[in-house]
Amino acid sequence: MPNKVVSLTEAAGVVRDGALIGLMNSKIDGAPMAFVRELIRQGRRDLRVVSRGAGLACDLLIGAGVLRELETCSMDLDVYGPAPHFQRAIRGSAFRMKDTA
């Protein structure tokens, strides 16, 4: 059986500009931060993200100018309050938001 384990660089390299990706339901704990940072490092652009409950990972992507569209039912940093990059971007129409209740 072939080895399905790849490096973080290889995994993020599969994601192309404009791709639709799903991020797990995570406000703070368990967010795939290393993967998100690698997407930013590789210069990805215009990503579309679906997340049942967006948080820190999506806020970081927004702040880095990587996100074009976010589909979620909530966006905050849990006990830390509103997500600052999200708040700024949504007020400035920097990306498209799809609210999924």
Protein backbone atom coordinates (compact mmCIF):
# COMPACT_ATOMS: atom_id res chain seq x y z
CA MET A 1 0.00 0.00 0.00
CA PRO A 2 1.41 3.44 -0.91
CA ASN A 3 2.34 5.83 1.88
CA LYS A 4 -0.34 8.51 2.22
CA VAL A 5 1.64 10.66 4.63
CA VAL A 6 3.03 13.82 3.01
CA SER A 7 4.82 16.87 4.33
CA LEU A 8 2.93 20.01 5.23
CA THR A 9 4.53 21.77 2.26
CA GLU A 10 3.29 19.06 -0.10
CA ALA A 11 -0.21 19.07 1.42
CA ALA A 12 -0.58 22.84 1.07
CA GLY A 13 0.88 22.61 -2.43
CA VAL A 14 -2.15 20.63 -3.54
CA VAL A 15 -4.37 23.65 -2.81
CA ARG A 16 -4.49 25.94 -5.85
CA ASP A 17 -5.51 29.59 -6.04
CA GLY A 18 -9.29 29.90 -6.08
CA ALA A 19 -9.81 26.45 -4.52
CA LEU A 20 -12.69 25.60 -2.22
CA ILE A 21 -11.45 24.09 1.04
CA GLY A 22 -13.19 22.99 4.21
CA LEU A 23 -11.78 23.83 7.61
CA MET A 24 -12.93 22.02 10.70
CA ASN A 25 -15.30 23.56 13.19
CA SER A 26 -12.83 25.32 15.45
CA LYS A 27 -12.84 28.71 17.08
CA ILE A 28 -9.45 28.48 18.80
CA ASP A 29 -8.47 24.96 19.90
CA GLY A 30 -7.70 22.41 17.24
CA ALA A 31 -7.52 24.91 14.38
CA PRO A 32 -5.21 23.68 11.59
CA MET A 33 -2.84 26.61 12.12
CA ALA A 34 0.32 25.06 10.65
CA PHE A 35 -1.58 24.27 7.45
CA VAL A 36 -3.06 27.78 7.32
CA ARG A 37 0.35 29.38 7.84
CA GLU A 38 1.78 27.21 5.05
CA LEU A 39 -0.99 28.32 2.66
CA ILE A 40 -0.08 31.93 3.47
CA ARG A 41 3.64 31.25 3.10
CA GLN A 42 3.07 29.68 -0.33
CA GLY A 43 1.18 32.81 -1.44
CA ARG A 44 -2.24 31.28 -2.08
CA ARG A 45 -4.94 33.72 -3.20
CA ASP A 46 -8.70 33.85 -3.72
CA LEU A 47 -9.47 30.80 -1.58
CA ARG A 48 -13.05 29.91 -0.74
CA VAL A 49 -13.56 28.36 2.69
CA VAL A 50 -16.47 26.45 4.19
CA SER A 51 -16.49 26.00 7.95
CA ARG A 52 -19.34 25.16 10.30
CA GLY A 53 -17.93 27.52 12.91
CA ALA A 54 -15.09 29.72 11.72
CA GLY A 55 -12.51 31.20 14.05
CA LEU A 56 -8.80 31.84 14.32
CA ALA A 57 -7.71 29.96 11.18
CA CYS A 58 -10.16 31.83 8.94
CA ASP A 59 -9.40 35.15 10.60
CA LEU A 60 -5.71 34.66 9.87
CA LEU A 61 -6.48 33.85 6.21
CA ILE A 62 -8.60 36.99 5.96
CA GLY A 63 -5.88 39.13 7.53
CA ALA A 64 -3.31 37.76 5.08
CA GLY A 65 -5.56 38.59 2.09
CA VAL A 66 -5.92 34.93 1.12
CA LEU A 67 -9.69 34.52 1.49
CA ARG A 68 -12.13 35.53 -1.26
CA GLU A 69 -15.24 33.87 0.17
CA LEU A 70 -16.27 32.44 3.54
CA GLU A 71 -19.30 30.26 4.15
CA THR A 72 -20.07 29.73 7.83
CA CYS A 73 -22.75 30.07 10.47
CA SER A 74 -20.58 31.92 12.98
CA MET A 75 -17.29 33.78 13.12
CA ASP A 76 -15.59 34.74 16.36
CA LEU A 77 -12.65 33.90 18.59
CA ASP A 78 -14.74 32.24 21.31
CA VAL A 79 -13.98 33.77 24.72
CA TYR A 80 -11.65 36.30 23.07
CA GLY A 81 -14.55 37.97 21.28
CA PRO A 82 -14.96 39.17 17.70
CA ALA A 83 -12.43 38.20 15.03
CA PRO A 84 -10.63 41.47 14.19
CA HIS A 85 -9.63 40.76 10.58
CA PHE A 86 -13.12 39.44 9.82
CA GLN A 87 -14.75 42.54 11.34
CA ARG A 88 -12.55 44.89 9.35
CA ALA A 89 -12.95 42.95 6.09
CA ILE A 90 -16.72 42.54 6.29
CA ARG A 91 -17.17 46.27 6.89
CA GLY A 92 -14.90 47.08 3.97
CA SER A 93 -16.42 44.47 1.62
CA ALA A 94 -12.99 42.84 1.23
CA PHE A 95 -14.49 39.39 0.69
CA ARG A 96 -17.79 37.60 0.15
CA MET A 97 -19.64 36.15 3.13
CA LYS A 98 -22.22 33.35 2.88
CA ASP A 99 -24.21 32.90 6.07
CA THR A 100 -25.27 29.30 6.60
CA ALA A 101 -27.62 28.97 9.53
